[in-house]
Structure formats: C-alpha cells, structure tokens
ModelCIF file with pLDDT and N, C-alpha, C, O atoms, coordinates in Angstrom:
data_MODEL
#
_entry.id   MODEL 
#
_entity.id                         1 
_entity.type                       polymer 
_entity.pdbx_number_of_molecules   1 
#
_entity_poly.entity_id                      1 
_entity_poly.type                           'polypeptide(L)' 
_entity_poly.nstd_linkage                   no 
_entity_poly.nstd_monomer                   no 
_entity_poly.pdbx_seq_one_letter_code       
;(UNK)(UNK)(UNK)(UNK)(UNK)(UNK)(UNK)(UNK)(UNK)(UNK)(UNK)(UNK)(UNK)(UNK)(UNK)(UNK)
(UNK)(UNK)(UNK)(UNK)(UNK)(UNK)(UNK)(UNK)(UNK)(UNK)(UNK)(UNK)(UNK)(UNK)(UNK)(UNK)
(UNK)(UNK)(UNK)(UNK)(UNK)(UNK)(UNK)(UNK)(UNK)(UNK)(UNK)(UNK)(UNK)(UNK)
;
_entity_poly.pdbx_seq_one_letter_code_can   XXXXXXXXXXXXXXXXXXXXXXXXXXXXXXXXXXXXXXXXXXXXXX 
_entity_poly.pdbx_strand_id                 A 
#
loop_
_entity_poly_seq.entity_id 
_entity_poly_seq.num 
_entity_poly_seq.mon_id 
_entity_poly_seq.hetero 
1 1  UNK n 
1 2  UNK n 
1 3  UNK n 
1 4  UNK n 
1 5  UNK n 
1 6  UNK n 
1 7  UNK n 
1 8  UNK n 
1 9  UNK n 
1 10 UNK n 
1 11 UNK n 
1 12 UNK n 
1 13 UNK n 
1 14 UNK n 
1 15 UNK n 
1 16 UNK n 
1 17 UNK n 
1 18 UNK n 
1 19 UNK n 
1 20 UNK n 
1 21 UNK n 
1 22 UNK n 
1 23 UNK n 
1 24 UNK n 
1 25 UNK n 
1 26 UNK n 
1 27 UNK n 
1 28 UNK n 
1 29 UNK n 
1 30 UNK n 
1 31 UNK n 
1 32 UNK n 
1 33 UNK n 
1 34 UNK n 
1 35 UNK n 
1 36 UNK n 
1 37 UNK n 
1 38 UNK n 
1 39 UNK n 
1 40 UNK n 
1 41 UNK n 
1 42 UNK n 
1 43 UNK n 
1 44 UNK n 
1 45 UNK n 
1 46 UNK n 
#
_struct_asym.id          A 
_struct_asym.entity_id   1 
#
loop_
_ma_qa_metric.id 
_ma_qa_metric.mode 
_ma_qa_metric.name 
_ma_qa_metric.software_group_id 
_ma_qa_metric.type 
1 global pLDDT . pLDDT 
2 local  pLDDT . pLDDT 
#
_ma_qa_metric_global.metric_id      1 
_ma_qa_metric_global.metric_value   89.26 
_ma_qa_metric_global.model_id       1 
_ma_qa_metric_global.ordinal_id     1 
#
loop_
_ma_qa_metric_local.label_asym_id 
_ma_qa_metric_local.label_comp_id 
_ma_qa_metric_local.label_seq_id 
_ma_qa_metric_local.metric_id 
_ma_qa_metric_local.metric_value 
_ma_qa_metric_local.model_id 
_ma_qa_metric_local.ordinal_id 
A UNK 1  2 88.00 1 1  
A UNK 2  2 87.00 1 2  
A UNK 3  2 87.00 1 3  
A UNK 4  2 89.00 1 4  
A UNK 5  2 88.00 1 5  
A UNK 6  2 86.00 1 6  
A UNK 7  2 89.00 1 7  
A UNK 8  2 87.00 1 8  
A UNK 9  2 87.00 1 9  
A UNK 10 2 90.00 1 10 
A UNK 11 2 91.00 1 11 
A UNK 12 2 89.00 1 12 
A UNK 13 2 90.00 1 13 
A UNK 14 2 89.00 1 14 
A UNK 15 2 91.00 1 15 
A UNK 16 2 93.00 1 16 
A UNK 17 2 92.00 1 17 
A UNK 18 2 91.00 1 18 
A UNK 19 2 92.00 1 19 
A UNK 20 2 94.00 1 20 
A UNK 21 2 91.00 1 21 
A UNK 22 2 91.00 1 22 
A UNK 23 2 93.00 1 23 
A UNK 24 2 94.00 1 24 
A UNK 25 2 92.00 1 25 
A UNK 26 2 93.00 1 26 
A UNK 27 2 95.00 1 27 
A UNK 28 2 95.00 1 28 
A UNK 29 2 94.00 1 29 
A UNK 30 2 94.00 1 30 
A UNK 31 2 95.00 1 31 
A UNK 32 2 95.00 1 32 
A UNK 33 2 94.00 1 33 
A UNK 34 2 93.00 1 34 
A UNK 35 2 90.00 1 35 
A UNK 36 2 84.00 1 36 
A UNK 37 2 82.00 1 37 
A UNK 38 2 82.00 1 38 
A UNK 39 2 81.00 1 39 
A UNK 40 2 84.00 1 40 
A UNK 41 2 84.00 1 41 
A UNK 42 2 82.00 1 42 
A UNK 43 2 83.00 1 43 
A UNK 44 2 85.00 1 44 
A UNK 45 2 85.00 1 45 
A UNK 46 2 85.00 1 46 
#
loop_
_atom_site.group_PDB 
_atom_site.id 
_atom_site.type_symbol 
_atom_site.label_atom_id 
_atom_site.label_alt_id 
_atom_site.label_comp_id 
_atom_site.label_asym_id 
_atom_site.label_entity_id 
_atom_site.label_seq_id 
_atom_site.pdbx_PDB_ins_code 
_atom_site.Cartn_x 
_atom_site.Cartn_y 
_atom_site.Cartn_z 
_atom_site.occupancy 
_atom_site.B_iso_or_equiv 
_atom_site.pdbx_formal_charge 
_atom_site.auth_seq_id 
_atom_site.auth_comp_id 
_atom_site.auth_asym_id 
_atom_site.auth_atom_id 
_atom_site.pdbx_PDB_model_num 
ATOM 1   N N  . UNK A 1 1  ? -54.533 38.896 130.297 1.00 88.00 ? 1  UNK A N  1 
ATOM 2   C CA . UNK A 1 1  ? -53.753 40.088 129.983 1.00 88.00 ? 1  UNK A CA 1 
ATOM 3   C C  . UNK A 1 1  ? -52.338 40.001 130.408 1.00 88.00 ? 1  UNK A C  1 
ATOM 4   O O  . UNK A 1 1  ? -52.015 38.972 131.002 1.00 88.00 ? 1  UNK A O  1 
ATOM 5   N N  . UNK A 1 2  ? -51.411 40.939 130.196 1.00 87.00 ? 2  UNK A N  1 
ATOM 6   C CA . UNK A 1 2  ? -50.234 40.954 130.870 1.00 87.00 ? 2  UNK A CA 1 
ATOM 7   C C  . UNK A 1 2  ? -50.110 42.293 131.464 1.00 87.00 ? 2  UNK A C  1 
ATOM 8   O O  . UNK A 1 2  ? -50.762 43.284 131.133 1.00 87.00 ? 2  UNK A O  1 
ATOM 9   N N  . UNK A 1 3  ? -49.059 42.209 132.522 1.00 87.00 ? 3  UNK A N  1 
ATOM 10  C CA . UNK A 1 3  ? -48.701 43.615 132.959 1.00 87.00 ? 3  UNK A CA 1 
ATOM 11  C C  . UNK A 1 3  ? -47.417 44.279 131.990 1.00 87.00 ? 3  UNK A C  1 
ATOM 12  O O  . UNK A 1 3  ? -46.923 43.639 131.062 1.00 87.00 ? 3  UNK A O  1 
ATOM 13  N N  . UNK A 1 4  ? -47.078 45.338 132.281 1.00 89.00 ? 4  UNK A N  1 
ATOM 14  C CA . UNK A 1 4  ? -46.310 45.830 131.293 1.00 89.00 ? 4  UNK A CA 1 
ATOM 15  C C  . UNK A 1 4  ? -44.742 45.409 131.767 1.00 89.00 ? 4  UNK A C  1 
ATOM 16  O O  . UNK A 1 4  ? -43.727 45.957 131.339 1.00 89.00 ? 4  UNK A O  1 
ATOM 17  N N  . UNK A 1 5  ? -44.780 44.403 132.664 1.00 88.00 ? 5  UNK A N  1 
ATOM 18  C CA . UNK A 1 5  ? -43.469 43.907 133.001 1.00 88.00 ? 5  UNK A CA 1 
ATOM 19  C C  . UNK A 1 5  ? -42.788 43.069 131.933 1.00 88.00 ? 5  UNK A C  1 
ATOM 20  O O  . UNK A 1 5  ? -41.581 42.837 131.857 1.00 88.00 ? 5  UNK A O  1 
ATOM 21  N N  . UNK A 1 6  ? -43.907 42.586 130.991 1.00 86.00 ? 6  UNK A N  1 
ATOM 22  C CA . UNK A 1 6  ? -43.305 41.719 129.999 1.00 86.00 ? 6  UNK A CA 1 
ATOM 23  C C  . UNK A 1 6  ? -42.641 42.543 128.936 1.00 86.00 ? 6  UNK A C  1 
ATOM 24  O O  . UNK A 1 6  ? -42.109 41.998 127.969 1.00 86.00 ? 6  UNK A O  1 
ATOM 25  N N  . UNK A 1 7  ? -42.660 43.931 129.104 1.00 89.00 ? 7  UNK A N  1 
ATOM 26  C CA . UNK A 1 7  ? -41.766 44.561 128.123 1.00 89.00 ? 7  UNK A CA 1 
ATOM 27  C C  . UNK A 1 7  ? -40.279 44.433 128.437 1.00 89.00 ? 7  UNK A C  1 
ATOM 28  O O  . UNK A 1 7  ? -39.417 44.702 127.600 1.00 89.00 ? 7  UNK A O  1 
ATOM 29  N N  . UNK A 1 8  ? -40.054 44.085 129.463 1.00 87.00 ? 8  UNK A N  1 
ATOM 30  C CA . UNK A 1 8  ? -38.709 43.783 130.011 1.00 87.00 ? 8  UNK A CA 1 
ATOM 31  C C  . UNK A 1 8  ? -37.669 44.815 129.441 1.00 87.00 ? 8  UNK A C  1 
ATOM 32  O O  . UNK A 1 8  ? -37.935 46.017 129.466 1.00 87.00 ? 8  UNK A O  1 
ATOM 33  N N  . UNK A 1 9  ? -36.496 44.348 128.932 1.00 87.00 ? 9  UNK A N  1 
ATOM 34  C CA . UNK A 1 9  ? -35.430 45.226 128.520 1.00 87.00 ? 9  UNK A CA 1 
ATOM 35  C C  . UNK A 1 9  ? -35.509 45.283 126.940 1.00 87.00 ? 9  UNK A C  1 
ATOM 36  O O  . UNK A 1 9  ? -34.499 45.337 126.238 1.00 87.00 ? 9  UNK A O  1 
ATOM 37  N N  . UNK A 1 10 ? -36.825 45.266 126.438 1.00 90.00 ? 10 UNK A N  1 
ATOM 38  C CA . UNK A 1 10 ? -36.857 45.080 124.914 1.00 90.00 ? 10 UNK A CA 1 
ATOM 39  C C  . UNK A 1 10 ? -36.527 46.825 124.463 1.00 90.00 ? 10 UNK A C  1 
ATOM 40  O O  . UNK A 1 10 ? -36.694 47.802 125.192 1.00 90.00 ? 10 UNK A O  1 
ATOM 41  N N  . UNK A 1 11 ? -36.109 46.810 123.292 1.00 91.00 ? 11 UNK A N  1 
ATOM 42  C CA . UNK A 1 11 ? -35.939 48.066 122.564 1.00 91.00 ? 11 UNK A CA 1 
ATOM 43  C C  . UNK A 1 11 ? -37.329 48.739 122.345 1.00 91.00 ? 11 UNK A C  1 
ATOM 44  O O  . UNK A 1 11 ? -38.370 48.083 122.293 1.00 91.00 ? 11 UNK A O  1 
ATOM 45  N N  . UNK A 1 12 ? -37.269 50.121 122.220 1.00 89.00 ? 12 UNK A N  1 
ATOM 46  C CA . UNK A 1 12 ? -38.458 50.795 121.731 1.00 89.00 ? 12 UNK A CA 1 
ATOM 47  C C  . UNK A 1 12 ? -39.081 50.328 120.413 1.00 89.00 ? 12 UNK A C  1 
ATOM 48  O O  . UNK A 1 12 ? -40.293 50.199 120.242 1.00 89.00 ? 12 UNK A O  1 
ATOM 49  N N  . UNK A 1 13 ? -38.130 50.086 119.491 1.00 90.00 ? 13 UNK A N  1 
ATOM 50  C CA . UNK A 1 13 ? -38.732 49.595 118.265 1.00 90.00 ? 13 UNK A CA 1 
ATOM 51  C C  . UNK A 1 13 ? -39.506 48.112 118.534 1.00 90.00 ? 13 UNK A C  1 
ATOM 52  O O  . UNK A 1 13 ? -40.495 47.799 117.871 1.00 90.00 ? 13 UNK A O  1 
ATOM 53  N N  . UNK A 1 14 ? -38.991 47.315 119.489 1.00 89.00 ? 14 UNK A N  1 
ATOM 54  C CA . UNK A 1 14 ? -39.799 46.184 119.526 1.00 89.00 ? 14 UNK A CA 1 
ATOM 55  C C  . UNK A 1 14 ? -40.901 46.263 120.230 1.00 89.00 ? 14 UNK A C  1 
ATOM 56  O O  . UNK A 1 14 ? -41.623 45.267 120.272 1.00 89.00 ? 14 UNK A O  1 
ATOM 57  N N  . UNK A 1 15 ? -41.232 47.321 120.855 1.00 91.00 ? 15 UNK A N  1 
ATOM 58  C CA . UNK A 1 15 ? -42.610 47.595 121.758 1.00 91.00 ? 15 UNK A CA 1 
ATOM 59  C C  . UNK A 1 15 ? -43.263 48.742 121.349 1.00 91.00 ? 15 UNK A C  1 
ATOM 60  O O  . UNK A 1 15 ? -44.112 49.249 122.082 1.00 91.00 ? 15 UNK A O  1 
ATOM 61  N N  . UNK A 1 16 ? -42.936 49.292 120.111 1.00 93.00 ? 16 UNK A N  1 
ATOM 62  C CA . UNK A 1 16 ? -43.499 50.638 119.775 1.00 93.00 ? 16 UNK A CA 1 
ATOM 63  C C  . UNK A 1 16 ? -44.934 50.561 119.838 1.00 93.00 ? 16 UNK A C  1 
ATOM 64  O O  . UNK A 1 16 ? -45.601 51.414 120.424 1.00 93.00 ? 16 UNK A O  1 
ATOM 65  N N  . UNK A 1 17 ? -45.485 49.451 119.185 1.00 92.00 ? 17 UNK A N  1 
ATOM 66  C CA . UNK A 1 17 ? -46.962 49.502 119.108 1.00 92.00 ? 17 UNK A CA 1 
ATOM 67  C C  . UNK A 1 17 ? -47.660 49.634 120.484 1.00 92.00 ? 17 UNK A C  1 
ATOM 68  O O  . UNK A 1 17 ? -48.645 50.351 120.659 1.00 92.00 ? 17 UNK A O  1 
ATOM 69  N N  . UNK A 1 18 ? -47.034 48.835 121.509 1.00 91.00 ? 18 UNK A N  1 
ATOM 70  C CA . UNK A 1 18 ? -47.676 48.856 122.683 1.00 91.00 ? 18 UNK A CA 1 
ATOM 71  C C  . UNK A 1 18 ? -47.374 50.094 123.434 1.00 91.00 ? 18 UNK A C  1 
ATOM 72  O O  . UNK A 1 18 ? -48.246 50.430 124.236 1.00 91.00 ? 18 UNK A O  1 
ATOM 73  N N  . UNK A 1 19 ? -46.335 50.836 123.345 1.00 92.00 ? 19 UNK A N  1 
ATOM 74  C CA . UNK A 1 19 ? -45.867 52.062 123.706 1.00 92.00 ? 19 UNK A CA 1 
ATOM 75  C C  . UNK A 1 19 ? -46.903 53.053 123.377 1.00 92.00 ? 19 UNK A C  1 
ATOM 76  O O  . UNK A 1 19 ? -47.554 53.698 124.199 1.00 92.00 ? 19 UNK A O  1 
ATOM 77  N N  . UNK A 1 20 ? -47.005 53.118 121.938 1.00 94.00 ? 20 UNK A N  1 
ATOM 78  C CA . UNK A 1 20 ? -47.987 54.014 121.267 1.00 94.00 ? 20 UNK A CA 1 
ATOM 79  C C  . UNK A 1 20 ? -49.375 53.814 122.007 1.00 94.00 ? 20 UNK A C  1 
ATOM 80  O O  . UNK A 1 20 ? -49.956 54.704 122.628 1.00 94.00 ? 20 UNK A O  1 
ATOM 81  N N  . UNK A 1 21 ? -49.759 52.681 121.866 1.00 91.00 ? 21 UNK A N  1 
ATOM 82  C CA . UNK A 1 21 ? -51.183 52.222 122.525 1.00 91.00 ? 21 UNK A CA 1 
ATOM 83  C C  . UNK A 1 21 ? -51.331 52.814 124.034 1.00 91.00 ? 21 UNK A C  1 
ATOM 84  O O  . UNK A 1 21 ? -52.401 53.315 124.381 1.00 91.00 ? 21 UNK A O  1 
ATOM 85  N N  . UNK A 1 22 ? -50.288 52.743 124.864 1.00 91.00 ? 22 UNK A N  1 
ATOM 86  C CA . UNK A 1 22 ? -50.178 53.165 126.211 1.00 91.00 ? 22 UNK A CA 1 
ATOM 87  C C  . UNK A 1 22 ? -50.415 54.799 126.153 1.00 91.00 ? 22 UNK A C  1 
ATOM 88  O O  . UNK A 1 22 ? -51.251 55.397 126.830 1.00 91.00 ? 22 UNK A O  1 
ATOM 89  N N  . UNK A 1 23 ? -49.673 55.287 125.379 1.00 93.00 ? 23 UNK A N  1 
ATOM 90  C CA . UNK A 1 23 ? -49.613 56.889 125.075 1.00 93.00 ? 23 UNK A CA 1 
ATOM 91  C C  . UNK A 1 23 ? -51.225 57.371 124.685 1.00 93.00 ? 23 UNK A C  1 
ATOM 92  O O  . UNK A 1 23 ? -51.731 58.332 125.264 1.00 93.00 ? 23 UNK A O  1 
ATOM 93  N N  . UNK A 1 24 ? -51.816 56.747 123.849 1.00 94.00 ? 24 UNK A N  1 
ATOM 94  C CA . UNK A 1 24 ? -53.025 57.105 123.335 1.00 94.00 ? 24 UNK A CA 1 
ATOM 95  C C  . UNK A 1 24 ? -54.016 56.706 124.522 1.00 94.00 ? 24 UNK A C  1 
ATOM 96  O O  . UNK A 1 24 ? -54.953 57.479 124.720 1.00 94.00 ? 24 UNK A O  1 
ATOM 97  N N  . UNK A 1 25 ? -53.912 55.685 125.252 1.00 92.00 ? 25 UNK A N  1 
ATOM 98  C CA . UNK A 1 25 ? -54.701 55.267 126.358 1.00 92.00 ? 25 UNK A CA 1 
ATOM 99  C C  . UNK A 1 25 ? -54.516 56.512 127.473 1.00 92.00 ? 25 UNK A C  1 
ATOM 100 O O  . UNK A 1 25 ? -55.544 56.935 128.001 1.00 92.00 ? 25 UNK A O  1 
ATOM 101 N N  . UNK A 1 26 ? -53.388 57.029 127.792 1.00 93.00 ? 26 UNK A N  1 
ATOM 102 C CA . UNK A 1 26 ? -53.055 57.958 128.656 1.00 93.00 ? 26 UNK A CA 1 
ATOM 103 C C  . UNK A 1 26 ? -53.804 59.206 128.363 1.00 93.00 ? 26 UNK A C  1 
ATOM 104 O O  . UNK A 1 26 ? -54.395 59.835 129.240 1.00 93.00 ? 26 UNK A O  1 
ATOM 105 N N  . UNK A 1 27 ? -53.769 59.537 127.174 1.00 95.00 ? 27 UNK A N  1 
ATOM 106 C CA . UNK A 1 27 ? -54.268 60.868 126.346 1.00 95.00 ? 27 UNK A CA 1 
ATOM 107 C C  . UNK A 1 27 ? -55.814 60.678 126.642 1.00 95.00 ? 27 UNK A C  1 
ATOM 108 O O  . UNK A 1 27 ? -56.419 61.565 127.244 1.00 95.00 ? 27 UNK A O  1 
ATOM 109 N N  . UNK A 1 28 ? -56.410 59.601 126.251 1.00 95.00 ? 28 UNK A N  1 
ATOM 110 C CA . UNK A 1 28 ? -57.817 59.467 126.573 1.00 95.00 ? 28 UNK A CA 1 
ATOM 111 C C  . UNK A 1 28 ? -58.315 59.521 128.043 1.00 95.00 ? 28 UNK A C  1 
ATOM 112 O O  . UNK A 1 28 ? -59.417 59.959 128.373 1.00 95.00 ? 28 UNK A O  1 
ATOM 113 N N  . UNK A 1 29 ? -57.372 59.022 128.889 1.00 94.00 ? 29 UNK A N  1 
ATOM 114 C CA . UNK A 1 29 ? -57.617 59.193 130.393 1.00 94.00 ? 29 UNK A CA 1 
ATOM 115 C C  . UNK A 1 29 ? -57.757 60.731 130.616 1.00 94.00 ? 29 UNK A C  1 
ATOM 116 O O  . UNK A 1 29 ? -58.753 61.236 131.134 1.00 94.00 ? 29 UNK A O  1 
ATOM 117 N N  . UNK A 1 30 ? -56.684 61.424 130.185 1.00 94.00 ? 30 UNK A N  1 
ATOM 118 C CA . UNK A 1 30 ? -56.617 62.821 130.567 1.00 94.00 ? 30 UNK A CA 1 
ATOM 119 C C  . UNK A 1 30 ? -57.766 63.661 130.011 1.00 94.00 ? 30 UNK A C  1 
ATOM 120 O O  . UNK A 1 30 ? -58.331 64.533 130.672 1.00 94.00 ? 30 UNK A O  1 
ATOM 121 N N  . UNK A 1 31 ? -58.090 63.324 128.685 1.00 95.00 ? 31 UNK A N  1 
ATOM 122 C CA . UNK A 1 31 ? -59.293 64.039 128.215 1.00 95.00 ? 31 UNK A CA 1 
ATOM 123 C C  . UNK A 1 31 ? -60.273 63.736 129.060 1.00 95.00 ? 31 UNK A C  1 
ATOM 124 O O  . UNK A 1 31 ? -61.015 64.703 129.238 1.00 95.00 ? 31 UNK A O  1 
ATOM 125 N N  . UNK A 1 32 ? -60.616 62.657 129.731 1.00 95.00 ? 32 UNK A N  1 
ATOM 126 C CA . UNK A 1 32 ? -61.594 62.319 130.513 1.00 95.00 ? 32 UNK A CA 1 
ATOM 127 C C  . UNK A 1 32 ? -61.519 63.021 131.953 1.00 95.00 ? 32 UNK A C  1 
ATOM 128 O O  . UNK A 1 32 ? -62.393 62.874 132.808 1.00 95.00 ? 32 UNK A O  1 
ATOM 129 N N  . UNK A 1 33 ? -60.401 63.778 132.113 1.00 94.00 ? 33 UNK A N  1 
ATOM 130 C CA . UNK A 1 33 ? -59.875 64.361 133.438 1.00 94.00 ? 33 UNK A CA 1 
ATOM 131 C C  . UNK A 1 33 ? -59.767 63.248 134.550 1.00 94.00 ? 33 UNK A C  1 
ATOM 132 O O  . UNK A 1 33 ? -60.199 63.369 135.697 1.00 94.00 ? 33 UNK A O  1 
ATOM 133 N N  . UNK A 1 34 ? -59.137 62.171 134.044 1.00 93.00 ? 34 UNK A N  1 
ATOM 134 C CA . UNK A 1 34 ? -58.809 61.002 134.961 1.00 93.00 ? 34 UNK A CA 1 
ATOM 135 C C  . UNK A 1 34 ? -57.162 61.152 135.088 1.00 93.00 ? 34 UNK A C  1 
ATOM 136 O O  . UNK A 1 34 ? -56.518 61.453 134.083 1.00 93.00 ? 34 UNK A O  1 
ATOM 137 N N  . UNK A 1 35 ? -56.554 60.947 136.265 1.00 90.00 ? 35 UNK A N  1 
ATOM 138 C CA . UNK A 1 35 ? -55.000 60.892 136.449 1.00 90.00 ? 35 UNK A CA 1 
ATOM 139 C C  . UNK A 1 35 ? -54.855 59.767 137.080 1.00 90.00 ? 35 UNK A C  1 
ATOM 140 O O  . UNK A 1 35 ? -55.494 59.548 138.110 1.00 90.00 ? 35 UNK A O  1 
ATOM 141 N N  . UNK A 1 36 ? -54.038 58.926 136.591 1.00 84.00 ? 36 UNK A N  1 
ATOM 142 C CA . UNK A 1 36 ? -53.320 57.643 137.356 1.00 84.00 ? 36 UNK A CA 1 
ATOM 143 C C  . UNK A 1 36 ? -52.403 58.060 138.114 1.00 84.00 ? 36 UNK A C  1 
ATOM 144 O O  . UNK A 1 36 ? -51.485 58.700 137.601 1.00 84.00 ? 36 UNK A O  1 
ATOM 145 N N  . UNK A 1 37 ? -52.409 57.844 139.330 1.00 82.00 ? 37 UNK A N  1 
ATOM 146 C CA . UNK A 1 37 ? -51.335 58.326 140.162 1.00 82.00 ? 37 UNK A CA 1 
ATOM 147 C C  . UNK A 1 37 ? -50.245 57.050 140.554 1.00 82.00 ? 37 UNK A C  1 
ATOM 148 O O  . UNK A 1 37 ? -49.193 57.364 141.111 1.00 82.00 ? 37 UNK A O  1 
ATOM 149 N N  . UNK A 1 38 ? -50.440 56.042 140.341 1.00 82.00 ? 38 UNK A N  1 
ATOM 150 C CA . UNK A 1 38 ? -49.679 54.824 140.537 1.00 82.00 ? 38 UNK A CA 1 
ATOM 151 C C  . UNK A 1 38 ? -49.477 54.100 139.188 1.00 82.00 ? 38 UNK A C  1 
ATOM 152 O O  . UNK A 1 38 ? -49.909 52.959 139.021 1.00 82.00 ? 38 UNK A O  1 
ATOM 153 N N  . UNK A 1 39 ? -48.818 54.773 138.236 1.00 81.00 ? 39 UNK A N  1 
ATOM 154 C CA . UNK A 1 39 ? -48.738 54.308 136.646 1.00 81.00 ? 39 UNK A CA 1 
ATOM 155 C C  . UNK A 1 39 ? -47.455 53.500 136.966 1.00 81.00 ? 39 UNK A C  1 
ATOM 156 O O  . UNK A 1 39 ? -46.343 54.027 136.943 1.00 81.00 ? 39 UNK A O  1 
ATOM 157 N N  . UNK A 1 40 ? -47.644 52.307 137.239 1.00 84.00 ? 40 UNK A N  1 
ATOM 158 C CA . UNK A 1 40 ? -46.224 51.244 137.441 1.00 84.00 ? 40 UNK A CA 1 
ATOM 159 C C  . UNK A 1 40 ? -46.663 50.188 136.637 1.00 84.00 ? 40 UNK A C  1 
ATOM 160 O O  . UNK A 1 40 ? -47.858 50.011 136.398 1.00 84.00 ? 40 UNK A O  1 
ATOM 161 N N  . UNK A 1 41 ? -45.656 49.386 136.153 1.00 84.00 ? 41 UNK A N  1 
ATOM 162 C CA . UNK A 1 41 ? -45.799 48.279 135.400 1.00 84.00 ? 41 UNK A CA 1 
ATOM 163 C C  . UNK A 1 41 ? -46.720 47.153 135.648 1.00 84.00 ? 41 UNK A C  1 
ATOM 164 O O  . UNK A 1 41 ? -47.223 46.457 134.766 1.00 84.00 ? 41 UNK A O  1 
ATOM 165 N N  . UNK A 1 42 ? -46.931 47.006 137.130 1.00 82.00 ? 42 UNK A N  1 
ATOM 166 C CA . UNK A 1 42 ? -47.787 45.996 137.738 1.00 82.00 ? 42 UNK A CA 1 
ATOM 167 C C  . UNK A 1 42 ? -49.165 46.404 137.627 1.00 82.00 ? 42 UNK A C  1 
ATOM 168 O O  . UNK A 1 42 ? -50.035 45.537 137.542 1.00 82.00 ? 42 UNK A O  1 
ATOM 169 N N  . UNK A 1 43 ? -49.498 47.800 137.619 1.00 83.00 ? 43 UNK A N  1 
ATOM 170 C CA . UNK A 1 43 ? -50.835 48.173 137.801 1.00 83.00 ? 43 UNK A CA 1 
ATOM 171 C C  . UNK A 1 43 ? -51.489 48.382 136.350 1.00 83.00 ? 43 UNK A C  1 
ATOM 172 O O  . UNK A 1 43 ? -52.578 48.952 136.281 1.00 83.00 ? 43 UNK A O  1 
ATOM 173 N N  . UNK A 1 44 ? -50.921 47.986 135.332 1.00 85.00 ? 44 UNK A N  1 
ATOM 174 C CA . UNK A 1 44 ? -51.555 48.166 134.021 1.00 85.00 ? 44 UNK A CA 1 
ATOM 175 C C  . UNK A 1 44 ? -51.603 46.881 133.251 1.00 85.00 ? 44 UNK A C  1 
ATOM 176 O O  . UNK A 1 44 ? -50.610 46.297 132.818 1.00 85.00 ? 44 UNK A O  1 
ATOM 177 N N  . UNK A 1 45 ? -52.691 46.541 133.137 1.00 85.00 ? 45 UNK A N  1 
ATOM 178 C CA . UNK A 1 45 ? -53.027 45.152 132.372 1.00 85.00 ? 45 UNK A CA 1 
ATOM 179 C C  . UNK A 1 45 ? -53.105 45.493 130.758 1.00 85.00 ? 45 UNK A C  1 
ATOM 180 O O  . UNK A 1 45 ? -53.835 46.368 130.292 1.00 85.00 ? 45 UNK A O  1 
ATOM 181 N N  . UNK A 1 46 ? -52.328 44.745 130.075 1.00 85.00 ? 46 UNK A N  1 
ATOM 182 C CA . UNK A 1 46 ? -52.527 44.960 128.572 1.00 85.00 ? 46 UNK A CA 1 
ATOM 183 C C  . UNK A 1 46 ? -53.109 43.810 128.056 1.00 85.00 ? 46 UNK A C  1 
ATOM 184 O O  . UNK A 1 46 ? -53.372 43.736 126.856 1.00 85.00 ? 46 UNK A O  1 
#
C-alpha cells in the first residue's frame, strides 16, 4: 500500500475518490467508537 504522503500537492479533484474513502473510513471508525489520535499521513496505509 501507500501512505497518504503520495497525495502530495495534488488538487482535491485529483484525489477526490481517496479523500472520500478516507472520510467514510473515519465515519465507520467513529461509529465503532474508535478515535485515531495520530491521524498523520504516514500512519494511514491506503
């Protein structure tokens, strides 16, 4: 996989699908009452 650093300086339009996927994952985590405290690009493997 790749860390989120590969998003680099791309525009939102270029990475829209990935950002939406991350948002949905975050919502699922919150639904399970899980909160990531260190939500940095190097800590998420896509």
